[in-house]
Amino acid sequence: MITLILLALVLTLIQLMTPAFLNSKNLEFLISNREGSVEEAPIVGRTRRAGSNILETLPAFLALAILSMMLEVENYNLAMFWIGSRVIYYFSYMFGVLYLRTIIWFVSIVCLAMMGIALI
């Protein structure tokens, strides 16, 4: 489970850093105090929103994963499915795949709910 926690944190870091790499044409703005705004490609905005989205569910995942380890509850497969669904969600959001993105998001929420139920 520790490996999956680390993978989730690496995934989060990648998602938070990707918009900067995609927006490298605005490097001067990125290294400044970021006062004002710059025009960015639509994929940069989608990538930024996808990165923000993982911050909403990451605390729940981390809490459930740590509780699973402490209480010795087998949630490894559900944690793997959560990470996998978050990877697919990220790419579907980045490339603008509408309906699949919502279904995958729902799958990730169901994984979290099932991890919580297993702890009861």
PDB file of N, CA and C in Angstrom:
ATOM      1  N   MET A   1       0.823  -1.196   0.000  1.00  0.00           N
ATOM      2  CA  MET A   1       0.000   0.000   0.000  1.00  0.00           C
ATOM      3  C   MET A   1       0.870   1.264   0.000  1.00  0.00           C
ATOM      4  N   ILE A   2       2.041   1.162   0.627  1.00  0.00           N
ATOM      5  CA  ILE A   2       2.934   2.320   0.648  1.00  0.00           C
ATOM      6  C   ILE A   2       3.345   2.689  -0.777  1.00  0.00           C
ATOM      7  N   THR A   3       3.568   1.698  -1.616  1.00  0.00           N
ATOM      8  CA  THR A   3       3.921   1.949  -3.013  1.00  0.00           C
ATOM      9  C   THR A   3       2.802   2.708  -3.729  1.00  0.00           C
ATOM     10  N   LEU A   4       1.555   2.327  -3.463  1.00  0.00           N
ATOM     11  CA  LEU A   4       0.427   3.009  -4.108  1.00  0.00           C
ATOM     12  C   LEU A   4       0.266   4.436  -3.590  1.00  0.00           C
ATOM     13  N   ILE A   5       0.544   4.643  -2.320  1.00  0.00           N
ATOM     14  CA  ILE A   5       0.502   6.006  -1.784  1.00  0.00           C
ATOM     15  C   ILE A   5       1.551   6.866  -2.476  1.00  0.00           C
ATOM     16  N   LEU A   6       2.742   6.332  -2.628  1.00  0.00           N
ATOM     17  CA  LEU A   6       3.803   7.073  -3.321  1.00  0.00           C
ATOM     18  C   LEU A   6       3.449   7.321  -4.781  1.00  0.00           C
ATOM     19  N   LEU A   7       2.850   6.323  -5.440  1.00  0.00           N
ATOM     20  CA  LEU A   7       2.421   6.518  -6.834  1.00  0.00           C
ATOM     21  C   LEU A   7       1.356   7.605  -6.939  1.00  0.00           C
ATOM     22  N   ALA A   8       0.440   7.645  -5.994  1.00  0.00           N
ATOM     23  CA  ALA A   8      -0.591   8.686  -6.000  1.00  0.00           C
ATOM     24  C   ALA A   8       0.032  10.066  -5.839  1.00  0.00           C
ATOM     25  N   LEU A   9       1.046  10.166  -4.995  1.00  0.00           N
ATOM     26  CA  LEU A   9       1.716  11.449  -4.808  1.00  0.00           C
ATOM     27  C   LEU A   9       2.520  11.852  -6.047  1.00  0.00           C
ATOM     28  N   VAL A  10       3.155  10.883  -6.700  1.00  0.00           N
ATOM     29  CA  VAL A  10       3.881  11.163  -7.947  1.00  0.00           C
ATOM     30  C   VAL A  10       2.898  11.594  -9.036  1.00  0.00           C
ATOM     31  N   LEU A  11       1.763  10.909  -9.127  1.00  0.00           N
ATOM     32  CA  LEU A  11       0.736  11.279 -10.101  1.00  0.00           C
ATOM     33  C   LEU A  11       0.262  12.707  -9.865  1.00  0.00           C
ATOM     34  N   THR A  12       0.062  13.065  -8.617  1.00  0.00           N
ATOM     35  CA  THR A  12      -0.368  14.422  -8.286  1.00  0.00           C
ATOM     36  C   THR A  12       0.686  15.440  -8.702  1.00  0.00           C
ATOM     37  N   LEU A  13       1.934  15.151  -8.404  1.00  0.00           N
ATOM     38  CA  LEU A  13       3.019  16.061  -8.783  1.00  0.00           C
ATOM     39  C   LEU A  13       3.082  16.231 -10.300  1.00  0.00           C
ATOM     40  N   ILE A  14       2.966  15.147 -11.021  1.00  0.00           N
ATOM     41  CA  ILE A  14       2.985  15.219 -12.490  1.00  0.00           C
ATOM     42  C   ILE A  14       1.829  16.074 -12.989  1.00  0.00           C
ATOM     43  N   GLN A  15       0.652  15.857 -12.417  1.00  0.00           N
ATOM     44  CA  GLN A  15      -0.510  16.614 -12.873  1.00  0.00           C
ATOM     45  C   GLN A  15      -0.388  18.093 -12.553  1.00  0.00           C
ATOM     46  N   LEU A  16       0.258  18.424 -11.457  1.00  0.00           N
ATOM     47  CA  LEU A  16       0.413  19.838 -11.107  1.00  0.00           C
ATOM     48  C   LEU A  16       1.518  20.515 -11.897  1.00  0.00           C
ATOM     49  N   MET A  17       2.497  19.750 -12.380  1.00  0.00           N
ATOM     50  CA  MET A  17       3.615  20.323 -13.128  1.00  0.00           C
ATOM     51  C   MET A  17       3.367  20.385 -14.641  1.00  0.00           C
ATOM     52  N   THR A  18       2.520  19.521 -15.154  1.00  0.00           N
ATOM     53  CA  THR A  18       2.296  19.447 -16.601  1.00  0.00           C
ATOM     54  C   THR A  18       1.845  20.771 -17.221  1.00  0.00           C
ATOM     55  N   PRO A  19       0.921  21.530 -16.599  1.00  0.00           N
ATOM     56  CA  PRO A  19       0.532  22.798 -17.237  1.00  0.00           C
ATOM     57  C   PRO A  19       1.707  23.746 -17.471  1.00  0.00           C
ATOM     58  N   ALA A  20       2.657  23.763 -16.569  1.00  0.00           N
ATOM     59  CA  ALA A  20       3.821  24.638 -16.760  1.00  0.00           C
ATOM     60  C   ALA A  20       4.645  24.201 -17.967  1.00  0.00           C
ATOM     61  N   PHE A  21       4.801  22.890 -18.131  1.00  0.00           N
ATOM     62  CA  PHE A  21       5.554  22.390 -19.286  1.00  0.00           C
ATOM     63  C   PHE A  21       4.811  22.676 -20.590  1.00  0.00           C
ATOM     64  N   LEU A  22       3.494  22.524 -20.579  1.00  0.00           N
ATOM     65  CA  LEU A  22       2.716  22.788 -21.784  1.00  0.00           C
ATOM     66  C   LEU A  22       2.637  24.277 -22.099  1.00  0.00           C
ATOM     67  N   ASN A  23       2.853  25.100 -21.087  1.00  0.00           N
ATOM     68  CA  ASN A  23       2.737  26.544 -21.246  1.00  0.00           C
ATOM     69  C   ASN A  23       4.119  27.201 -21.297  1.00  0.00           C
ATOM     70  N   SER A  24       5.111  26.469 -21.764  1.00  0.00           N
ATOM     71  CA  SER A  24       6.491  26.968 -21.742  1.00  0.00           C
ATOM     72  C   SER A  24       6.700  28.194 -22.628  1.00  0.00           C
ATOM     73  N   LYS A  25       5.794  28.455 -23.564  1.00  0.00           N
ATOM     74  CA  LYS A  25       5.948  29.650 -24.396  1.00  0.00           C
ATOM     75  C   LYS A  25       5.758  30.924 -23.570  1.00  0.00           C
ATOM     76  N   ASN A  26       5.117  30.800 -22.408  1.00  0.00           N
ATOM     77  CA  ASN A  26       4.929  31.930 -21.502  1.00  0.00           C
ATOM     78  C   ASN A  26       5.879  31.832 -20.309  1.00  0.00           C
ATOM     79  N   LEU A  27       7.104  31.430 -20.565  1.00  0.00           N
ATOM     80  CA  LEU A  27       8.076  31.188 -19.499  1.00  0.00           C
ATOM     81  C   LEU A  27       8.309  32.434 -18.645  1.00  0.00           C
ATOM     82  N   GLU A  28       8.376  33.583 -19.268  1.00  0.00           N
ATOM     83  CA  GLU A  28       8.606  34.815 -18.511  1.00  0.00           C
ATOM     84  C   GLU A  28       7.488  35.034 -17.487  1.00  0.00           C
ATOM     85  N   PHE A  29       6.259  34.760 -17.879  1.00  0.00           N
ATOM     86  CA  PHE A  29       5.127  34.883 -16.958  1.00  0.00           C
ATOM     87  C   PHE A  29       5.213  33.839 -15.852  1.00  0.00           C
ATOM     88  N   LEU A  30       5.603  32.617 -16.207  1.00  0.00           N
ATOM     89  CA  LEU A  30       5.646  31.524 -15.240  1.00  0.00           C
ATOM     90  C   LEU A  30       6.676  31.746 -14.145  1.00  0.00           C
ATOM     91  N   ILE A  31       7.790  32.437 -14.463  1.00  0.00           N
ATOM     92  CA  ILE A  31       8.813  32.669 -13.445  1.00  0.00           C
ATOM     93  C   ILE A  31       8.637  34.020 -12.756  1.00  0.00           C
ATOM     94  N   SER A  32       7.581  34.743 -13.109  1.00  0.00           N
ATOM     95  CA  SER A  32       7.323  36.041 -12.490  1.00  0.00           C
ATOM     96  C   SER A  32       6.393  35.865 -11.292  1.00  0.00           C
ATOM     97  N   ASN A  33       5.876  36.978 -10.784  1.00  0.00           N
ATOM     98  CA  ASN A  33       4.908  36.950  -9.686  1.00  0.00           C
ATOM     99  C   ASN A  33       3.498  36.627 -10.172  1.00  0.00           C
ATOM    100  N   ARG A  34       3.358  36.427 -11.471  1.00  0.00           N
ATOM    101  CA  ARG A  34       2.104  36.047 -12.128  1.00  0.00           C
ATOM    102  C   ARG A  34       0.981  37.056 -11.895  1.00  0.00           C
ATOM    103  N   GLU A  35       1.335  38.310 -11.983  1.00  0.00           N
ATOM    104  CA  GLU A  35       0.321  39.355 -11.912  1.00  0.00           C
ATOM    105  C   GLU A  35      -0.229  39.550 -13.303  1.00  0.00           C
ATOM    106  N   GLY A  36      -1.521  39.580 -13.421  1.00  0.00           N
ATOM    107  CA  GLY A  36      -2.160  39.661 -14.721  1.00  0.00           C
ATOM    108  C   GLY A  36      -2.426  38.267 -15.248  1.00  0.00           C
ATOM    109  N   SER A  37      -2.577  38.163 -16.538  1.00  0.00           N
ATOM    110  CA  SER A  37      -2.836  36.849 -17.131  1.00  0.00           C
ATOM    111  C   SER A  37      -2.222  36.804 -18.527  1.00  0.00           C
ATOM    112  N   VAL A  38      -2.094  35.590 -19.025  1.00  0.00           N
ATOM    113  CA  VAL A  38      -1.580  35.383 -20.377  1.00  0.00           C
ATOM    114  C   VAL A  38      -2.537  34.455 -21.103  1.00  0.00           C
ATOM    115  N   GLU A  39      -2.462  34.530 -22.415  1.00  0.00           N
ATOM    116  CA  GLU A  39      -3.282  33.623 -23.212  1.00  0.00           C
ATOM    117  C   GLU A  39      -2.614  32.259 -23.239  1.00  0.00           C
ATOM    118  N   GLU A  40      -3.421  31.227 -23.026  1.00  0.00           N
ATOM    119  CA  GLU A  40      -2.880  29.877 -23.044  1.00  0.00           C
ATOM    120  C   GLU A  40      -3.756  28.991 -23.906  1.00  0.00           C
ATOM    121  N   ALA A  41      -3.182  27.925 -24.391  1.00  0.00           N
ATOM    122  CA  ALA A  41      -3.910  26.976 -25.234  1.00  0.00           C
ATOM    123  C   ALA A  41      -4.988  26.274 -24.397  1.00  0.00           C
ATOM    124  N   PRO A  42      -6.078  25.871 -25.035  1.00  0.00           N
ATOM    125  CA  PRO A  42      -7.142  25.176 -24.296  1.00  0.00           C
ATOM    126  C   PRO A  42      -6.651  23.938 -23.543  1.00  0.00           C
ATOM    127  N   ILE A  43      -5.692  23.200 -24.113  1.00  0.00           N
ATOM    128  CA  ILE A  43      -5.201  21.998 -23.439  1.00  0.00           C
ATOM    129  C   ILE A  43      -4.511  22.343 -22.114  1.00  0.00           C
ATOM    130  N   VAL A  44      -3.907  23.524 -22.037  1.00  0.00           N
ATOM    131  CA  VAL A  44      -3.250  23.944 -20.791  1.00  0.00           C
ATOM    132  C   VAL A  44      -4.304  24.171 -19.711  1.00  0.00           C
ATOM    133  N   GLY A  45      -5.393  24.822 -20.067  1.00  0.00           N
ATOM    134  CA  GLY A  45      -6.476  25.049 -19.104  1.00  0.00           C
ATOM    135  C   GLY A  45      -7.102  23.747 -18.634  1.00  0.00           C
ATOM    136  N   ARG A  46      -7.339  22.834 -19.576  1.00  0.00           N
ATOM    137  CA  ARG A  46      -7.918  21.536 -19.188  1.00  0.00           C
ATOM    138  C   ARG A  46      -6.959  20.773 -18.292  1.00  0.00           C
ATOM    139  N   THR A  47      -5.673  20.833 -18.615  1.00  0.00           N
ATOM    140  CA  THR A  47      -4.673  20.138 -17.796  1.00  0.00           C
ATOM    141  C   THR A  47      -4.605  20.747 -16.404  1.00  0.00           C
ATOM    142  N   ARG A  48      -4.701  22.051 -16.315  1.00  0.00           N
ATOM    143  CA  ARG A  48      -4.685  22.729 -15.021  1.00  0.00           C
ATOM    144  C   ARG A  48      -5.903  22.330 -14.183  1.00  0.00           C
ATOM    145  N   ARG A  49      -7.073  22.281 -14.814  1.00  0.00           N
ATOM    146  CA  ARG A  49      -8.289  21.894 -14.092  1.00  0.00           C
ATOM    147  C   ARG A  49      -8.235  20.435 -13.657  1.00  0.00           C
ATOM    148  N   ALA A  50      -7.672  19.570 -14.491  1.00  0.00           N
ATOM    149  CA  ALA A  50      -7.531  18.156 -14.121  1.00  0.00           C
ATOM    150  C   ALA A  50      -6.593  18.018 -12.934  1.00  0.00           C
ATOM    151  N   GLY A  51      -5.521  18.804 -12.915  1.00  0.00           N
ATOM    152  CA  GLY A  51      -4.598  18.778 -11.791  1.00  0.00           C
ATOM    153  C   GLY A  51      -5.242  19.281 -10.512  1.00  0.00           C
ATOM    154  N   SER A  52      -6.088  20.296 -10.635  1.00  0.00           N
ATOM    155  CA  SER A  52      -6.801  20.790  -9.452  1.00  0.00           C
ATOM    156  C   SER A  52      -7.788  19.759  -8.939  1.00  0.00           C
ATOM    157  N   ASN A  53      -8.372  18.998  -9.851  1.00  0.00           N
ATOM    158  CA  ASN A  53      -9.382  18.021  -9.461  1.00  0.00           C
ATOM    159  C   ASN A  53      -8.812  16.926  -8.574  1.00  0.00           C
ATOM    160  N   ILE A  54      -7.603  16.479  -8.844  1.00  0.00           N
ATOM    161  CA  ILE A  54      -7.038  15.404  -8.021  1.00  0.00           C
ATOM    162  C   ILE A  54      -6.817  15.876  -6.584  1.00  0.00           C
ATOM    163  N   LEU A  55      -6.607  17.184  -6.399  1.00  0.00           N
ATOM    164  CA  LEU A  55      -6.417  17.710  -5.051  1.00  0.00           C
ATOM    165  C   LEU A  55      -7.680  17.583  -4.207  1.00  0.00           C
ATOM    166  N   GLU A  56      -8.825  17.417  -4.855  1.00  0.00           N
ATOM    167  CA  GLU A  56     -10.080  17.261  -4.122  1.00  0.00           C
ATOM    168  C   GLU A  56     -10.249  15.862  -3.549  1.00  0.00           C
ATOM    169  N   THR A  57      -9.716  14.847  -4.236  1.00  0.00           N
ATOM    170  CA  THR A  57      -9.904  13.473  -3.762  1.00  0.00           C
ATOM    171  C   THR A  57      -8.658  12.856  -3.158  1.00  0.00           C
ATOM    172  N   LEU A  58      -7.506  13.464  -3.375  1.00  0.00           N
ATOM    173  CA  LEU A  58      -6.261  12.915  -2.834  1.00  0.00           C
ATOM    174  C   LEU A  58      -6.282  12.800  -1.308  1.00  0.00           C
ATOM    175  N   PRO A  59      -6.752  13.812  -0.561  1.00  0.00           N
ATOM    176  CA  PRO A  59      -6.775  13.649   0.903  1.00  0.00           C
ATOM    177  C   PRO A  59      -7.618  12.454   1.361  1.00  0.00           C
ATOM    178  N   ALA A  60      -8.750  12.238   0.716  1.00  0.00           N
ATOM    179  CA  ALA A  60      -9.584  11.081   1.079  1.00  0.00           C
ATOM    180  C   ALA A  60      -8.858   9.784   0.769  1.00  0.00           C
ATOM    181  N   PHE A  61      -8.211   9.720  -0.388  1.00  0.00           N
ATOM    182  CA  PHE A  61      -7.475   8.514  -0.742  1.00  0.00           C
ATOM    183  C   PHE A  61      -6.355   8.243   0.260  1.00  0.00           C
ATOM    184  N   LEU A  62      -5.591   9.274   0.589  1.00  0.00           N
ATOM    185  CA  LEU A  62      -4.482   9.090   1.520  1.00  0.00           C
ATOM    186  C   LEU A  62      -4.981   8.630   2.890  1.00  0.00           C
ATOM    187  N   ALA A  63      -6.050   9.243   3.367  1.00  0.00           N
ATOM    188  CA  ALA A  63      -6.605   8.843   4.665  1.00  0.00           C
ATOM    189  C   ALA A  63      -7.073   7.397   4.630  1.00  0.00           C
ATOM    190  N   LEU A  64      -7.780   7.009   3.584  1.00  0.00           N
ATOM    191  CA  LEU A  64      -8.282   5.636   3.482  1.00  0.00           C
ATOM    192  C   LEU A  64      -7.144   4.631   3.334  1.00  0.00           C
ATOM    193  N   ALA A  65      -6.124   4.982   2.573  1.00  0.00           N
ATOM    194  CA  ALA A  65      -4.991   4.079   2.383  1.00  0.00           C
ATOM    195  C   ALA A  65      -4.219   3.888   3.687  1.00  0.00           C
ATOM    196  N   ILE A  66      -3.993   4.975   4.401  1.00  0.00           N
ATOM    197  CA  ILE A  66      -3.268   4.876   5.674  1.00  0.00           C
ATOM    198  C   ILE A  66      -4.087   4.103   6.703  1.00  0.00           C
ATOM    199  N   LEU A  67      -5.391   4.372   6.768  1.00  0.00           N
ATOM    200  CA  LEU A  67      -6.250   3.607   7.686  1.00  0.00           C
ATOM    201  C   LEU A  67      -6.272   2.126   7.321  1.00  0.00           C
ATOM    202  N   SER A  68      -6.255   1.837   6.035  1.00  0.00           N
ATOM    203  CA  SER A  68      -6.222   0.435   5.600  1.00  0.00           C
ATOM    204  C   SER A  68      -4.972  -0.262   6.103  1.00  0.00           C
ATOM    205  N   MET A  69      -3.848   0.443   6.042  1.00  0.00           N
ATOM    206  CA  MET A  69      -2.602  -0.146   6.549  1.00  0.00           C
ATOM    207  C   MET A  69      -2.659  -0.310   8.066  1.00  0.00           C
ATOM    208  N   MET A  70      -3.144   0.697   8.756  1.00  0.00           N
ATOM    209  CA  MET A  70      -3.175   0.649  10.218  1.00  0.00           C
ATOM    210  C   MET A  70      -4.113  -0.444  10.736  1.00  0.00           C
ATOM    211  N   LEU A  71      -5.259  -0.574  10.070  1.00  0.00           N
ATOM    212  CA  LEU A  71      -6.258  -1.555  10.514  1.00  0.00           C
ATOM    213  C   LEU A  71      -6.089  -2.907   9.830  1.00  0.00           C
ATOM    214  N   GLU A  72      -5.080  -3.010   8.980  1.00  0.00           N
ATOM    215  CA  GLU A  72      -4.791  -4.232   8.240  1.00  0.00           C
ATOM    216  C   GLU A  72      -5.999  -4.721   7.430  1.00  0.00           C
ATOM    217  N   VAL A  73      -6.607  -3.774   6.717  1.00  0.00           N
ATOM    218  CA  VAL A  73      -7.729  -4.069   5.824  1.00  0.00           C
ATOM    219  C   VAL A  73      -7.187  -4.129   4.402  1.00  0.00           C
ATOM    220  N   GLU A  74      -7.565  -5.162   3.671  1.00  0.00           N
ATOM    221  CA  GLU A  74      -7.067  -5.353   2.301  1.00  0.00           C
ATOM    222  C   GLU A  74      -7.838  -4.455   1.326  1.00  0.00           C
ATOM    223  N   ASN A  75      -7.245  -3.307   1.021  1.00  0.00           N
ATOM    224  CA  ASN A  75      -7.824  -2.363   0.059  1.00  0.00           C
ATOM    225  C   ASN A  75      -6.878  -2.108  -1.105  1.00  0.00           C
ATOM    226  N   TYR A  76      -5.899  -2.965  -1.288  1.00  0.00           N
ATOM    227  CA  TYR A  76      -4.866  -2.755  -2.294  1.00  0.00           C
ATOM    228  C   TYR A  76      -5.461  -2.660  -3.703  1.00  0.00           C
ATOM    229  N   ASN A  77      -6.332  -3.604  -4.055  1.00  0.00           N
ATOM    230  CA  ASN A  77      -6.909  -3.596  -5.406  1.00  0.00           C
ATOM    231  C   ASN A  77      -7.757  -2.353  -5.654  1.00  0.00           C
ATOM    232  N   LEU A  78      -8.537  -1.967  -4.662  1.00  0.00           N
ATOM    233  CA  LEU A  78      -9.349  -0.750  -4.818  1.00  0.00           C
ATOM    234  C   LEU A  78      -8.460   0.480  -4.969  1.00  0.00           C
ATOM    235  N   ALA A  79      -7.370   0.519  -4.221  1.00  0.00           N
ATOM    236  CA  ALA A  79      -6.431   1.640  -4.335  1.00  0.00           C
ATOM    237  C   ALA A  79      -5.791   1.663  -5.725  1.00  0.00           C
ATOM    238  N   MET A  80      -5.464   0.475  -6.246  1.00  0.00           N
ATOM    239  CA  MET A  80      -4.907   0.403  -7.606  1.00  0.00           C
ATOM    240  C   MET A  80      -5.921   0.899  -8.638  1.00  0.00           C
ATOM    241  N   PHE A  81      -7.182   0.491  -8.485  1.00  0.00           N
ATOM    242  CA  PHE A  81      -8.220   0.947  -9.412  1.00  0.00           C
ATOM    243  C   PHE A  81      -8.409   2.454  -9.308  1.00  0.00           C
ATOM    244  N   TRP A  82      -8.295   3.004  -8.101  1.00  0.00           N
ATOM    245  CA  TRP A  82      -8.423   4.452  -7.934  1.00  0.00           C
ATOM    246  C   TRP A  82      -7.319   5.159  -8.705  1.00  0.00           C
ATOM    247  N   ILE A  83      -6.084   4.696  -8.532  1.00  0.00           N
ATOM    248  CA  ILE A  83      -4.961   5.328  -9.238  1.00  0.00           C
ATOM    249  C   ILE A  83      -5.129   5.171 -10.748  1.00  0.00           C
ATOM    250  N   GLY A  84      -5.496   3.983 -11.190  1.00  0.00           N
ATOM    251  CA  GLY A  84      -5.704   3.761 -12.621  1.00  0.00           C
ATOM    252  C   GLY A  84      -6.800   4.645 -13.189  1.00  0.00           C
ATOM    253  N   SER A  85      -7.895   4.768 -12.450  1.00  0.00           N
ATOM    254  CA  SER A  85      -8.991   5.612 -12.932  1.00  0.00           C
ATOM    255  C   SER A  85      -8.586   7.081 -12.946  1.00  0.00           C
ATOM    256  N   ARG A  86      -7.745   7.489 -11.998  1.00  0.00           N
ATOM    257  CA  ARG A  86      -7.286   8.878 -11.989  1.00  0.00           C
ATOM    258  C   ARG A  86      -6.340   9.166 -13.159  1.00  0.00           C
ATOM    259  N   VAL A  87      -5.538   8.192 -13.550  1.00  0.00           N
ATOM    260  CA  VAL A  87      -4.660   8.368 -14.713  1.00  0.00           C
ATOM    261  C   VAL A  87      -5.511   8.511 -15.975  1.00  0.00           C
ATOM    262  N   ILE A  88      -6.484   7.621 -16.139  1.00  0.00           N
ATOM    263  CA  ILE A  88      -7.365   7.688 -17.317  1.00  0.00           C
ATOM    264  C   ILE A  88      -8.165   8.986 -17.301  1.00  0.00           C
ATOM    265  N   TYR A  89      -8.648   9.381 -16.135  1.00  0.00           N
ATOM    266  CA  TYR A  89      -9.400  10.633 -16.003  1.00  0.00           C
ATOM    267  C   TYR A  89      -8.544  11.818 -16.446  1.00  0.00           C
ATOM    268  N   TYR A  90      -7.297  11.825 -15.995  1.00  0.00           N
ATOM    269  CA  TYR A  90      -6.403  12.927 -16.326  1.00  0.00           C
ATOM    270  C   TYR A  90      -6.232  13.077 -17.831  1.00  0.00           C
ATOM    271  N   PHE A  91      -5.950  11.971 -18.499  1.00  0.00           N
ATOM    272  CA  PHE A  91      -5.750  12.044 -19.947  1.00  0.00           C
ATOM    273  C   PHE A  91      -7.046  12.344 -20.689  1.00  0.00           C
ATOM    274  N   SER A  92      -8.159  11.805 -20.216  1.00  0.00           N
ATOM    275  CA  SER A  92      -9.431  12.103 -20.887  1.00  0.00           C
ATOM    276  C   SER A  92      -9.809  13.569 -20.685  1.00  0.00           C
ATOM    277  N   TYR A  93      -9.487  14.132 -19.534  1.00  0.00           N
ATOM    278  CA  TYR A  93      -9.746  15.557 -19.306  1.00  0.00           C
ATOM    279  C   TYR A  93      -8.805  16.396 -20.164  1.00  0.00           C
ATOM    280  N   MET A  94      -7.528  16.040 -20.185  1.00  0.00           N
ATOM    281  CA  MET A  94      -6.537  16.795 -20.944  1.00  0.00           C
ATOM    282  C   MET A  94      -6.904  16.874 -22.424  1.00  0.00           C
ATOM    283  N   PHE A  95      -7.366  15.755 -22.991  1.00  0.00           N
ATOM    284  CA  PHE A  95      -7.666  15.716 -24.412  1.00  0.00           C
ATOM    285  C   PHE A  95      -9.135  15.986 -24.728  1.00  0.00           C
ATOM    286  N   GLY A  96      -9.921  16.373 -23.718  1.00  0.00           N
ATOM    287  CA  GLY A  96     -11.288  16.828 -23.947  1.00  0.00           C
ATOM    288  C   GLY A  96     -12.289  15.738 -24.270  1.00  0.00           C
ATOM    289  N   VAL A  97     -12.102  14.538 -23.738  1.00  0.00           N
ATOM    290  CA  VAL A  97     -13.052  13.445 -23.950  1.00  0.00           C
ATOM    291  C   VAL A  97     -14.182  13.620 -22.932  1.00  0.00           C
ATOM    292  N   LEU A  98     -15.351  14.048 -23.395  1.00  0.00           N
ATOM    293  CA  LEU A  98     -16.398  14.509 -22.488  1.00  0.00           C
ATOM    294  C   LEU A  98     -17.024  13.421 -21.622  1.00  0.00           C
ATOM    295  N   TYR A  99     -17.738  12.503 -22.180  1.00  0.00           N
ATOM    296  CA  TYR A  99     -18.556  11.582 -21.392  1.00  0.00           C
ATOM    297  C   TYR A  99     -17.726  10.533 -20.663  1.00  0.00           C
ATOM    298  N   LEU A 100     -16.687  10.062 -21.296  1.00  0.00           N
ATOM    299  CA  LEU A 100     -15.813   9.086 -20.659  1.00  0.00           C
ATOM    300  C   LEU A 100     -15.182   9.670 -19.400  1.00  0.00           C
ATOM    301  N   ARG A 101     -14.808  10.926 -19.461  1.00  0.00           N
ATOM    302  CA  ARG A 101     -14.194  11.594 -18.312  1.00  0.00           C
ATOM    303  C   ARG A 101     -15.108  11.539 -17.094  1.00  0.00           C
ATOM    304  N   THR A 102     -16.379  11.801 -17.275  1.00  0.00           N
ATOM    305  CA  THR A 102     -17.329  11.790 -16.161  1.00  0.00           C
ATOM    306  C   THR A 102     -17.525  10.382 -15.616  1.00  0.00           C
ATOM    307  N   ILE A 103     -17.589   9.404 -16.493  1.00  0.00           N
ATOM    308  CA  ILE A 103     -17.748   8.014 -16.051  1.00  0.00           C
ATOM    309  C   ILE A 103     -16.534   7.574 -15.249  1.00  0.00           C
ATOM    310  N   ILE A 104     -15.357   7.912 -15.727  1.00  0.00           N
ATOM    311  CA  ILE A 104     -14.122   7.537 -15.032  1.00  0.00           C
ATOM    312  C   ILE A 104     -14.036   8.244 -13.682  1.00  0.00           C
ATOM    313  N   TRP A 105     -14.443   9.500 -13.613  1.00  0.00           N
ATOM    314  CA  TRP A 105     -14.459  10.215 -12.335  1.00  0.00           C
ATOM    315  C   TRP A 105     -15.366   9.480 -11.350  1.00  0.00           C
ATOM    316  N   PHE A 106     -16.538   9.067 -11.827  1.00  0.00           N
ATOM    317  CA  PHE A 106     -17.477   8.337 -10.973  1.00  0.00           C
ATOM    318  C   PHE A 106     -16.859   7.028 -10.480  1.00  0.00           C
ATOM    319  N   VAL A 107     -16.139   6.330 -11.343  1.00  0.00           N
ATOM    320  CA  VAL A 107     -15.466   5.083 -10.950  1.00  0.00           C
ATOM    321  C   VAL A 107     -14.478   5.362  -9.819  1.00  0.00           C
ATOM    322  N   SER A 108     -13.727   6.455  -9.915  1.00  0.00           N
ATOM    323  CA  SER A 108     -12.758   6.773  -8.861  1.00  0.00           C
ATOM    324  C   SER A 108     -13.449   7.066  -7.535  1.00  0.00           C
ATOM    325  N   ILE A 109     -14.604   7.714  -7.587  1.00  0.00           N
ATOM    326  CA  ILE A 109     -15.370   8.005  -6.361  1.00  0.00           C
ATOM    327  C   ILE A 109     -15.915   6.713  -5.765  1.00  0.00           C
ATOM    328  N   VAL A 110     -16.383   5.806  -6.614  1.00  0.00           N
ATOM    329  CA  VAL A 110     -16.879   4.512  -6.135  1.00  0.00           C
ATOM    330  C   VAL A 110     -15.747   3.736  -5.462  1.00  0.00           C
ATOM    331  N   CYS A 111     -14.545   3.791  -6.027  1.00  0.00           N
ATOM    332  CA  CYS A 111     -13.390   3.124  -5.404  1.00  0.00           C
ATOM    333  C   CYS A 111     -13.146   3.667  -4.000  1.00  0.00           C
ATOM    334  N   LEU A 112     -13.207   4.980  -3.852  1.00  0.00           N
ATOM    335  CA  LEU A 112     -13.012   5.573  -2.522  1.00  0.00           C
ATOM    336  C   LEU A 112     -14.108   5.128  -1.561  1.00  0.00           C
ATOM    337  N   ALA A 113     -15.342   5.128  -2.031  1.00  0.00           N
ATOM    338  CA  ALA A 113     -16.463   4.696  -1.174  1.00  0.00           C
ATOM    339  C   ALA A 113     -16.293   3.237  -0.753  1.00  0.00           C
ATOM    340  N   MET A 114     -15.890   2.406  -1.676  1.00  0.00           N
ATOM    341  CA  MET A 114     -15.693   0.981  -1.344  1.00  0.00           C
ATOM    342  C   MET A 114     -14.526   0.794  -0.384  1.00  0.00           C
ATOM    343  N   MET A 115     -13.486   1.599  -0.524  1.00  0.00           N
ATOM    344  CA  MET A 115     -12.378   1.529   0.433  1.00  0.00           C
ATOM    345  C   MET A 115     -12.868   1.905   1.826  1.00  0.00           C
ATOM    346  N   GLY A 116     -13.702   2.925   1.893  1.00  0.00           N
ATOM    347  CA  GLY A 116     -14.256   3.330   3.188  1.00  0.00           C
ATOM    348  C   GLY A 116     -15.166   2.276   3.786  1.00  0.00           C
ATOM    349  N   ILE A 117     -16.007   1.673   2.957  1.00  0.00           N
ATOM    350  CA  ILE A 117     -16.922   0.628   3.443  1.00  0.00           C
ATOM    351  C   ILE A 117     -16.137  -0.562   3.969  1.00  0.00           C
ATOM    352  N   ALA A 118     -15.042  -0.896   3.312  1.00  0.00           N
ATOM    353  CA  ALA A 118     -14.220  -2.022   3.764  1.00  0.00           C
ATOM    354  C   ALA A 118     -13.617  -1.798   5.145  1.00  0.00           C
ATOM    355  N   LEU A 119     -13.484  -0.530   5.528  1.00  0.00           N
ATOM    356  CA  LEU A 119     -12.918  -0.226   6.840  1.00  0.00           C
ATOM    357  C   LEU A 119     -13.918  -0.393   7.980  1.00  0.00           C
ATOM    358  N   ILE A 120     -15.177  -0.453   7.640  1.00  0.00           N
ATOM    359  CA  ILE A 120     -16.233  -0.564   8.667  1.00  0.00           C
ATOM    360  C   ILE A 120     -16.288  -1.949   9.245  1.00  0.00           C
TER     361      ILE A 120
END
